[in-house]
Amino acid sequence: MLRETVAELPTEFGNFQIYPYRHTLNNCNHVAIIKGNTSEFETQSVMVRMHSECFIGDALGSLRCYSRMQLQAALKMIEGAGQEIICPFIYY
C-alpha cells in the first residue's frame, strides 16, 4: 500500500483526517478515516471499524443498502468516544 496524501475531513460528526491509499499490486484505492494522534496508536488500544464501501449508499444515500447509516453511526461513535481512534474504510 502506498499512502497518497493526508487531508482534513470536517464532517457533521466531528473533525477527522482522511488517508487515501493505493494498492501497489492492483491499483485499487483504499481510504482510512482517522481520529486522533496516529503516533500514539502503537501504545494504546484503538477502536477499529471495517467498512465495505457501497458507492450508491455511502455517496448517494440510496436506501437499497445500509452502508451510509453504518458509516454515519461509526463516525458518531468515534467522535463520542473522545480517545485516539482509527476507522479504516475499504474501497474496492
PDB file of N, CA and C in Angstrom:
ATOM      1  N   MET A   1       0.844  -1.176   0.000  1.00  0.00           N
ATOM      2  CA  MET A   1       0.000   0.000   0.000  1.00  0.00           C
ATOM      3  C   MET A   1       0.886   1.235   0.000  1.00  0.00           C
ATOM      4  N   LEU A   2       0.478   2.198  -0.780  1.00  0.00           N
ATOM      5  CA  LEU A   2       1.194   3.457  -0.897  1.00  0.00           C
ATOM      6  C   LEU A   2       0.259   4.582  -0.483  1.00  0.00           C
ATOM      7  N   ARG A   3       0.634   5.304   0.588  1.00  0.00           N
ATOM      8  CA  ARG A   3      -0.205   6.420   1.026  1.00  0.00           C
ATOM      9  C   ARG A   3      -0.005   7.578   0.060  1.00  0.00           C
ATOM     10  N   GLU A   4      -1.107   8.110  -0.438  1.00  0.00           N
ATOM     11  CA  GLU A   4      -1.066   9.181  -1.425  1.00  0.00           C
ATOM     12  C   GLU A   4      -0.890  10.553  -0.771  1.00  0.00           C
ATOM     13  N   THR A   5      -1.657  10.829   0.282  1.00  0.00           N
ATOM     14  CA  THR A   5      -1.627  12.135   0.938  1.00  0.00           C
ATOM     15  C   THR A   5      -2.409  12.039   2.245  1.00  0.00           C
ATOM     16  N   VAL A   6      -2.558  13.132   2.955  1.00  0.00           N
ATOM     17  CA  VAL A   6      -3.407  13.237   4.143  1.00  0.00           C
ATOM     18  C   VAL A   6      -4.159  14.559   4.037  1.00  0.00           C
ATOM     19  N   ALA A   7      -5.436  14.560   4.403  1.00  0.00           N
ATOM     20  CA  ALA A   7      -6.219  15.792   4.359  1.00  0.00           C
ATOM     21  C   ALA A   7      -7.162  15.852   5.546  1.00  0.00           C
ATOM     22  N   GLU A   8      -7.524  17.062   5.936  1.00  0.00           N
ATOM     23  CA  GLU A   8      -8.520  17.267   6.983  1.00  0.00           C
ATOM     24  C   GLU A   8      -9.891  16.914   6.420  1.00  0.00           C
ATOM     25  N   LEU A   9     -10.732  16.294   7.250  1.00  0.00           N
ATOM     26  CA  LEU A   9     -12.070  15.886   6.827  1.00  0.00           C
ATOM     27  C   LEU A   9     -13.085  16.344   7.871  1.00  0.00           C
ATOM     28  N   PRO A  10     -13.594  17.573   7.751  1.00  0.00           N
ATOM     29  CA  PRO A  10     -14.641  18.012   8.675  1.00  0.00           C
ATOM     30  C   PRO A  10     -15.973  17.372   8.279  1.00  0.00           C
ATOM     31  N   THR A  11     -16.677  16.814   9.258  1.00  0.00           N
ATOM     32  CA  THR A  11     -17.970  16.178   8.998  1.00  0.00           C
ATOM     33  C   THR A  11     -18.976  16.697  10.020  1.00  0.00           C
ATOM     34  N   GLU A  12     -20.238  16.354   9.831  1.00  0.00           N
ATOM     35  CA  GLU A  12     -21.254  16.729  10.817  1.00  0.00           C
ATOM     36  C   GLU A  12     -21.047  15.997  12.140  1.00  0.00           C
ATOM     37  N   PHE A  13     -20.195  14.963  12.144  1.00  0.00           N
ATOM     38  CA  PHE A  13     -19.941  14.167  13.348  1.00  0.00           C
ATOM     39  C   PHE A  13     -18.646  14.552  14.032  1.00  0.00           C
ATOM     40  N   GLY A  14     -17.882  15.461  13.473  1.00  0.00           N
ATOM     41  CA  GLY A  14     -16.620  15.885  14.056  1.00  0.00           C
ATOM     42  C   GLY A  14     -15.553  16.012  12.984  1.00  0.00           C
ATOM     43  N   ASN A  15     -14.352  16.363  13.418  1.00  0.00           N
ATOM     44  CA  ASN A  15     -13.228  16.540  12.515  1.00  0.00           C
ATOM     45  C   ASN A  15     -12.351  15.290  12.515  1.00  0.00           C
ATOM     46  N   PHE A  16     -12.047  14.809  11.328  1.00  0.00           N
ATOM     47  CA  PHE A  16     -11.239  13.617  11.139  1.00  0.00           C
ATOM     48  C   PHE A  16     -10.131  13.934  10.140  1.00  0.00           C
ATOM     49  N   GLN A  17      -9.254  12.978   9.943  1.00  0.00           N
ATOM     50  CA  GLN A  17      -8.273  13.044   8.869  1.00  0.00           C
ATOM     51  C   GLN A  17      -8.557  11.889   7.920  1.00  0.00           C
ATOM     52  N   ILE A  18      -8.356  12.130   6.632  1.00  0.00           N
ATOM     53  CA  ILE A  18      -8.568  11.088   5.641  1.00  0.00           C
ATOM     54  C   ILE A  18      -7.232  10.765   4.980  1.00  0.00           C
ATOM     55  N   TYR A  19      -6.930   9.473   4.928  1.00  0.00           N
ATOM     56  CA  TYR A  19      -5.679   8.966   4.371  1.00  0.00           C
ATOM     57  C   TYR A  19      -6.011   8.088   3.164  1.00  0.00           C
ATOM     58  N   PRO A  20      -5.886   8.591   1.950  1.00  0.00           N
ATOM     59  CA  PRO A  20      -6.098   7.741   0.778  1.00  0.00           C
ATOM     60  C   PRO A  20      -4.855   6.906   0.476  1.00  0.00           C
ATOM     61  N   TYR A  21      -5.079   5.642   0.141  1.00  0.00           N
ATOM     62  CA  TYR A  21      -4.009   4.713  -0.193  1.00  0.00           C
ATOM     63  C   TYR A  21      -4.283   4.095  -1.554  1.00  0.00           C
ATOM     64  N   ARG A  22      -3.219   3.663  -2.213  1.00  0.00           N
ATOM     65  CA  ARG A  22      -3.335   2.918  -3.472  1.00  0.00           C
ATOM     66  C   ARG A  22      -2.577   1.615  -3.313  1.00  0.00           C
ATOM     67  N   HIS A  23      -3.251   0.514  -3.600  1.00  0.00           N
ATOM     68  CA  HIS A  23      -2.627  -0.807  -3.542  1.00  0.00           C
ATOM     69  C   HIS A  23      -1.645  -0.902  -4.698  1.00  0.00           C
ATOM     70  N   THR A  24      -0.399  -1.219  -4.413  1.00  0.00           N
ATOM     71  CA  THR A  24       0.645  -1.186  -5.441  1.00  0.00           C
ATOM     72  C   THR A  24       0.591  -2.377  -6.390  1.00  0.00           C
ATOM     73  N   LEU A  25      -0.126  -3.435  -6.055  1.00  0.00           N
ATOM     74  CA  LEU A  25      -0.209  -4.592  -6.946  1.00  0.00           C
ATOM     75  C   LEU A  25      -1.355  -4.497  -7.945  1.00  0.00           C
ATOM     76  N   ASN A  26      -2.510  -3.968  -7.505  1.00  0.00           N
ATOM     77  CA  ASN A  26      -3.667  -3.937  -8.404  1.00  0.00           C
ATOM     78  C   ASN A  26      -4.255  -2.541  -8.606  1.00  0.00           C
ATOM     79  N   ASN A  27      -3.616  -1.515  -8.048  1.00  0.00           N
ATOM     80  CA  ASN A  27      -4.039  -0.112  -8.177  1.00  0.00           C
ATOM     81  C   ASN A  27      -5.416   0.183  -7.609  1.00  0.00           C
ATOM     82  N   CYS A  28      -5.952  -0.678  -6.752  1.00  0.00           N
ATOM     83  CA  CYS A  28      -7.215  -0.389  -6.071  1.00  0.00           C
ATOM     84  C   CYS A  28      -6.989   0.733  -5.062  1.00  0.00           C
ATOM     85  N   ASN A  29      -8.024   1.537  -4.846  1.00  0.00           N
ATOM     86  CA  ASN A  29      -7.941   2.633  -3.890  1.00  0.00           C
ATOM     87  C   ASN A  29      -8.586   2.234  -2.576  1.00  0.00           C
ATOM     88  N   HIS A  30      -7.973   2.668  -1.485  1.00  0.00           N
ATOM     89  CA  HIS A  30      -8.479   2.427  -0.140  1.00  0.00           C
ATOM     90  C   HIS A  30      -8.391   3.742   0.623  1.00  0.00           C
ATOM     91  N   VAL A  31      -9.268   3.930   1.591  1.00  0.00           N
ATOM     92  CA  VAL A  31      -9.292   5.156   2.377  1.00  0.00           C
ATOM     93  C   VAL A  31      -9.381   4.794   3.855  1.00  0.00           C
ATOM     94  N   ALA A  32      -8.579   5.468   4.676  1.00  0.00           N
ATOM     95  CA  ALA A  32      -8.693   5.350   6.130  1.00  0.00           C
ATOM     96  C   ALA A  32      -9.144   6.704   6.666  1.00  0.00           C
ATOM     97  N   ILE A  33     -10.182   6.697   7.491  1.00  0.00           N
ATOM     98  CA  ILE A  33     -10.637   7.908   8.169  1.00  0.00           C
ATOM     99  C   ILE A  33     -10.205   7.765   9.619  1.00  0.00           C
ATOM    100  N   ILE A  34      -9.440   8.726  10.096  1.00  0.00           N
ATOM    101  CA  ILE A  34      -8.752   8.582  11.382  1.00  0.00           C
ATOM    102  C   ILE A  34      -9.092   9.732  12.315  1.00  0.00           C
ATOM    103  N   LYS A  35      -9.243   9.390  13.585  1.00  0.00           N
ATOM    104  CA  LYS A  35      -9.463  10.369  14.647  1.00  0.00           C
ATOM    105  C   LYS A  35      -8.371  10.155  15.671  1.00  0.00           C
ATOM    106  N   GLY A  36      -7.584  11.165  15.952  1.00  0.00           N
ATOM    107  CA  GLY A  36      -6.569  11.033  16.983  1.00  0.00           C
ATOM    108  C   GLY A  36      -5.160  11.128  16.443  1.00  0.00           C
ATOM    109  N   ASN A  37      -4.219  10.978  17.345  1.00  0.00           N
ATOM    110  CA  ASN A  37      -2.802  11.092  17.044  1.00  0.00           C
ATOM    111  C   ASN A  37      -2.249   9.713  16.684  1.00  0.00           C
ATOM    112  N   THR A  38      -1.958   9.493  15.416  1.00  0.00           N
ATOM    113  CA  THR A  38      -1.525   8.167  14.965  1.00  0.00           C
ATOM    114  C   THR A  38      -0.224   7.717  15.585  1.00  0.00           C
ATOM    115  N   SER A  39       0.618   8.624  16.057  1.00  0.00           N
ATOM    116  CA  SER A  39       1.887   8.221  16.677  1.00  0.00           C
ATOM    117  C   SER A  39       1.664   7.499  18.007  1.00  0.00           C
ATOM    118  N   GLU A  40       0.490   7.654  18.607  1.00  0.00           N
ATOM    119  CA  GLU A  40       0.186   7.010  19.883  1.00  0.00           C
ATOM    120  C   GLU A  40      -0.565   5.689  19.716  1.00  0.00           C
ATOM    121  N   PHE A  41      -0.943   5.328  18.491  1.00  0.00           N
ATOM    122  CA  PHE A  41      -1.748   4.138  18.270  1.00  0.00           C
ATOM    123  C   PHE A  41      -1.019   2.851  18.639  1.00  0.00           C
ATOM    124  N   GLU A  42       0.300   2.836  18.561  1.00  0.00           N
ATOM    125  CA  GLU A  42       1.052   1.624  18.877  1.00  0.00           C
ATOM    126  C   GLU A  42       1.073   1.321  20.368  1.00  0.00           C
ATOM    127  N   THR A  43       0.811   2.307  21.207  1.00  0.00           N
ATOM    128  CA  THR A  43       0.881   2.115  22.655  1.00  0.00           C
ATOM    129  C   THR A  43      -0.486   2.100  23.319  1.00  0.00           C
ATOM    130  N   GLN A  44      -1.557   2.268  22.552  1.00  0.00           N
ATOM    131  CA  GLN A  44      -2.901   2.311  23.112  1.00  0.00           C
ATOM    132  C   GLN A  44      -3.811   1.342  22.379  1.00  0.00           C
ATOM    133  N   SER A  45      -4.866   0.940  23.054  1.00  0.00           N
ATOM    134  CA  SER A  45      -5.915   0.181  22.373  1.00  0.00           C
ATOM    135  C   SER A  45      -6.672   1.139  21.468  1.00  0.00           C
ATOM    136  N   VAL A  46      -7.004   0.668  20.275  1.00  0.00           N
ATOM    137  CA  VAL A  46      -7.643   1.522  19.285  1.00  0.00           C
ATOM    138  C   VAL A  46      -8.894   0.835  18.752  1.00  0.00           C
ATOM    139  N   MET A  47     -10.022   1.562  18.720  1.00  0.00           N
ATOM    140  CA  MET A  47     -11.238   1.032  18.116  1.00  0.00           C
ATOM    141  C   MET A  47     -11.078   1.043  16.605  1.00  0.00           C
ATOM    142  N   VAL A  48     -11.545  -0.019  15.961  1.00  0.00           N
ATOM    143  CA  VAL A  48     -11.445  -0.121  14.506  1.00  0.00           C
ATOM    144  C   VAL A  48     -12.801  -0.523  13.944  1.00  0.00           C
ATOM    145  N   ARG A  49     -13.216   0.148  12.915  1.00  0.00           N
ATOM    146  CA  ARG A  49     -14.452  -0.207  12.209  1.00  0.00           C
ATOM    147  C   ARG A  49     -14.076  -0.486  10.759  1.00  0.00           C
ATOM    148  N   MET A  50     -14.250  -1.721  10.315  1.00  0.00           N
ATOM    149  CA  MET A  50     -14.025  -2.079   8.917  1.00  0.00           C
ATOM    150  C   MET A  50     -15.324  -1.825   8.170  1.00  0.00           C
ATOM    151  N   HIS A  51     -15.235  -1.114   7.080  1.00  0.00           N
ATOM    152  CA  HIS A  51     -16.428  -0.716   6.334  1.00  0.00           C
ATOM    153  C   HIS A  51     -16.269  -1.135   4.885  1.00  0.00           C
ATOM    154  N   SER A  52     -17.204  -1.887   4.385  1.00  0.00           N
ATOM    155  CA  SER A  52     -17.202  -2.285   2.985  1.00  0.00           C
ATOM    156  C   SER A  52     -17.984  -1.243   2.195  1.00  0.00           C
ATOM    157  N   GLU A  53     -17.313  -0.579   1.293  1.00  0.00           N
ATOM    158  CA  GLU A  53     -17.871   0.542   0.550  1.00  0.00           C
ATOM    159  C   GLU A  53     -19.015   0.134  -0.364  1.00  0.00           C
ATOM    160  N   CYS A  54     -20.021   0.975  -0.394  1.00  0.00           N
ATOM    161  CA  CYS A  54     -21.123   0.849  -1.350  1.00  0.00           C
ATOM    162  C   CYS A  54     -21.364   2.264  -1.874  1.00  0.00           C
ATOM    163  N   PHE A  55     -20.912   2.542  -3.070  1.00  0.00           N
ATOM    164  CA  PHE A  55     -20.958   3.907  -3.592  1.00  0.00           C
ATOM    165  C   PHE A  55     -22.368   4.481  -3.583  1.00  0.00           C
ATOM    166  N   ILE A  56     -23.354   3.721  -4.045  1.00  0.00           N
ATOM    167  CA  ILE A  56     -24.705   4.282  -4.110  1.00  0.00           C
ATOM    168  C   ILE A  56     -25.287   4.545  -2.726  1.00  0.00           C
ATOM    169  N   GLY A  57     -24.845   3.782  -1.726  1.00  0.00           N
ATOM    170  CA  GLY A  57     -25.310   4.014  -0.363  1.00  0.00           C
ATOM    171  C   GLY A  57     -24.526   5.108   0.328  1.00  0.00           C
ATOM    172  N   ASP A  58     -23.188   5.003   0.312  1.00  0.00           N
ATOM    173  CA  ASP A  58     -22.336   5.964   1.016  1.00  0.00           C
ATOM    174  C   ASP A  58     -22.428   7.367   0.413  1.00  0.00           C
ATOM    175  N   ALA A  59     -22.250   7.470  -0.881  1.00  0.00           N
ATOM    176  CA  ALA A  59     -22.160   8.778  -1.523  1.00  0.00           C
ATOM    177  C   ALA A  59     -23.510   9.328  -1.960  1.00  0.00           C
ATOM    178  N   LEU A  60     -24.394   8.460  -2.410  1.00  0.00           N
ATOM    179  CA  LEU A  60     -25.648   8.932  -2.984  1.00  0.00           C
ATOM    180  C   LEU A  60     -26.856   8.756  -2.070  1.00  0.00           C
ATOM    181  N   GLY A  61     -26.684   8.038  -0.958  1.00  0.00           N
ATOM    182  CA  GLY A  61     -27.768   7.889   0.008  1.00  0.00           C
ATOM    183  C   GLY A  61     -28.859   6.916  -0.394  1.00  0.00           C
ATOM    184  N   SER A  62     -28.556   5.991  -1.284  1.00  0.00           N
ATOM    185  CA  SER A  62     -29.553   5.017  -1.710  1.00  0.00           C
ATOM    186  C   SER A  62     -30.034   4.190  -0.521  1.00  0.00           C
ATOM    187  N   LEU A  63     -31.319   3.905  -0.509  1.00  0.00           N
ATOM    188  CA  LEU A  63     -31.893   3.085   0.550  1.00  0.00           C
ATOM    189  C   LEU A  63     -31.822   1.594   0.227  1.00  0.00           C
ATOM    190  N   ARG A  64     -31.167   1.234  -0.869  1.00  0.00           N
ATOM    191  CA  ARG A  64     -31.027  -0.170  -1.256  1.00  0.00           C
ATOM    192  C   ARG A  64     -29.955  -0.886  -0.439  1.00  0.00           C
ATOM    193  N   CYS A  65     -29.134  -0.129   0.276  1.00  0.00           N
ATOM    194  CA  CYS A  65     -28.148  -0.756   1.165  1.00  0.00           C
ATOM    195  C   CYS A  65     -28.043   0.084   2.436  1.00  0.00           C
ATOM    196  N   TYR A  66     -27.458  -0.496   3.466  1.00  0.00           N
ATOM    197  CA  TYR A  66     -27.390   0.146   4.772  1.00  0.00           C
ATOM    198  C   TYR A  66     -26.032   0.778   5.059  1.00  0.00           C
ATOM    199  N   SER A  67     -25.155   0.837   4.069  1.00  0.00           N
ATOM    200  CA  SER A  67     -23.788   1.269   4.335  1.00  0.00           C
ATOM    201  C   SER A  67     -23.704   2.714   4.820  1.00  0.00           C
ATOM    202  N   ARG A  68     -24.532   3.605   4.306  1.00  0.00           N
ATOM    203  CA  ARG A  68     -24.460   5.003   4.732  1.00  0.00           C
ATOM    204  C   ARG A  68     -24.832   5.147   6.202  1.00  0.00           C
ATOM    205  N   MET A  69     -25.891   4.464   6.628  1.00  0.00           N
ATOM    206  CA  MET A  69     -26.299   4.528   8.032  1.00  0.00           C
ATOM    207  C   MET A  69     -25.212   3.942   8.937  1.00  0.00           C
ATOM    208  N   GLN A  70     -24.577   2.844   8.496  1.00  0.00           N
ATOM    209  CA  GLN A  70     -23.498   2.234   9.260  1.00  0.00           C
ATOM    210  C   GLN A  70     -22.294   3.164   9.345  1.00  0.00           C
ATOM    211  N   LEU A  71     -21.963   3.824   8.238  1.00  0.00           N
ATOM    212  CA  LEU A  71     -20.854   4.776   8.212  1.00  0.00           C
ATOM    213  C   LEU A  71     -21.128   5.940   9.153  1.00  0.00           C
ATOM    214  N   GLN A  72     -22.321   6.494   9.105  1.00  0.00           N
ATOM    215  CA  GLN A  72     -22.673   7.611   9.981  1.00  0.00           C
ATOM    216  C   GLN A  72     -22.644   7.203  11.451  1.00  0.00           C
ATOM    217  N   ALA A  73     -23.146   6.015  11.766  1.00  0.00           N
ATOM    218  CA  ALA A  73     -23.124   5.536  13.153  1.00  0.00           C
ATOM    219  C   ALA A  73     -21.691   5.350  13.642  1.00  0.00           C
ATOM    220  N   ALA A  74     -20.810   4.839  12.772  1.00  0.00           N
ATOM    221  CA  ALA A  74     -19.410   4.643  13.154  1.00  0.00           C
ATOM    222  C   ALA A  74     -18.725   5.981  13.419  1.00  0.00           C
ATOM    223  N   LEU A  75     -18.940   6.965  12.561  1.00  0.00           N
ATOM    224  CA  LEU A  75     -18.328   8.285  12.758  1.00  0.00           C
ATOM    225  C   LEU A  75     -18.832   8.931  14.046  1.00  0.00           C
ATOM    226  N   LYS A  76     -20.114   8.783  14.326  1.00  0.00           N
ATOM    227  CA  LYS A  76     -20.686   9.341  15.556  1.00  0.00           C
ATOM    228  C   LYS A  76     -20.074   8.662  16.791  1.00  0.00           C
ATOM    229  N   MET A  77     -19.928   7.337  16.736  1.00  0.00           N
ATOM    230  CA  MET A  77     -19.344   6.600  17.854  1.00  0.00           C
ATOM    231  C   MET A  77     -17.890   7.002  18.076  1.00  0.00           C
ATOM    232  N   ILE A  78     -17.154   7.152  17.009  1.00  0.00           N
ATOM    233  CA  ILE A  78     -15.749   7.534  17.108  1.00  0.00           C
ATOM    234  C   ILE A  78     -15.610   8.918  17.722  1.00  0.00           C
ATOM    235  N   GLU A  79     -16.407   9.860  17.257  1.00  0.00           N
ATOM    236  CA  GLU A  79     -16.343  11.223  17.792  1.00  0.00           C
ATOM    237  C   GLU A  79     -16.730  11.236  19.268  1.00  0.00           C
ATOM    238  N   GLY A  80     -17.743  10.463  19.641  1.00  0.00           N
ATOM    239  CA  GLY A  80     -18.214  10.445  21.023  1.00  0.00           C
ATOM    240  C   GLY A  80     -17.283   9.766  21.998  1.00  0.00           C
ATOM    241  N   ALA A  81     -16.403   8.897  21.504  1.00  0.00           N
ATOM    242  CA  ALA A  81     -15.510   8.158  22.395  1.00  0.00           C
ATOM    243  C   ALA A  81     -14.458   9.053  23.029  1.00  0.00           C
ATOM    244  N   GLY A  82     -14.068  10.121  22.339  1.00  0.00           N
ATOM    245  CA  GLY A  82     -13.118  11.071  22.909  1.00  0.00           C
ATOM    246  C   GLY A  82     -11.747  10.499  23.184  1.00  0.00           C
ATOM    247  N   GLN A  83     -11.307   9.565  22.396  1.00  0.00           N
ATOM    248  CA  GLN A  83      -9.974   8.987  22.562  1.00  0.00           C
ATOM    249  C   GLN A  83      -9.350   8.778  21.197  1.00  0.00           C
ATOM    250  N   GLU A  84      -8.106   8.331  21.189  1.00  0.00           N
ATOM    251  CA  GLU A  84      -7.407   8.091  19.928  1.00  0.00           C
ATOM    252  C   GLU A  84      -8.038   6.900  19.224  1.00  0.00           C
ATOM    253  N   ILE A  85      -8.577   7.120  18.043  1.00  0.00           N
ATOM    254  CA  ILE A  85      -9.327   6.077  17.352  1.00  0.00           C
ATOM    255  C   ILE A  85      -8.987   6.110  15.874  1.00  0.00           C
ATOM    256  N   ILE A  86      -8.892   4.948  15.270  1.00  0.00           N
ATOM    257  CA  ILE A  86      -8.723   4.842  13.823  1.00  0.00           C
ATOM    258  C   ILE A  86      -9.922   4.122  13.243  1.00  0.00           C
ATOM    259  N   CYS A  87     -10.348   4.554  12.105  1.00  0.00           N
ATOM    260  CA  CYS A  87     -11.508   3.952  11.463  1.00  0.00           C
ATOM    261  C   CYS A  87     -11.202   3.733   9.989  1.00  0.00           C
ATOM    262  N   PRO A  88     -10.702   2.562   9.622  1.00  0.00           N
ATOM    263  CA  PRO A  88     -10.379   2.340   8.208  1.00  0.00           C
ATOM    264  C   PRO A  88     -11.602   1.946   7.405  1.00  0.00           C
ATOM    265  N   PHE A  89     -11.635   2.423   6.194  1.00  0.00           N
ATOM    266  CA  PHE A  89     -12.721   2.126   5.273  1.00  0.00           C
ATOM    267  C   PHE A  89     -12.124   1.523   4.019  1.00  0.00           C
ATOM    268  N   ILE A  90     -12.605   0.390   3.609  1.00  0.00           N
ATOM    269  CA  ILE A  90     -12.059  -0.324   2.467  1.00  0.00           C
ATOM    270  C   ILE A  90     -12.915  -0.021   1.234  1.00  0.00           C
ATOM    271  N   TYR A  91     -12.279   0.490   0.207  1.00  0.00           N
ATOM    272  CA  TYR A  91     -12.955   0.798  -1.055  1.00  0.00           C
ATOM    273  C   TYR A  91     -12.353  -0.046  -2.137  1.00  0.00           C
ATOM    274  N   TYR A  92     -13.177  -0.864  -2.788  1.00  0.00           N
ATOM    275  CA  TYR A  92     -12.702  -1.791  -3.826  1.00  0.00           C
ATOM    276  C   TYR A  92     -12.917  -1.209  -5.202  1.00  0.00           C
TER     277      TYR A  92
END
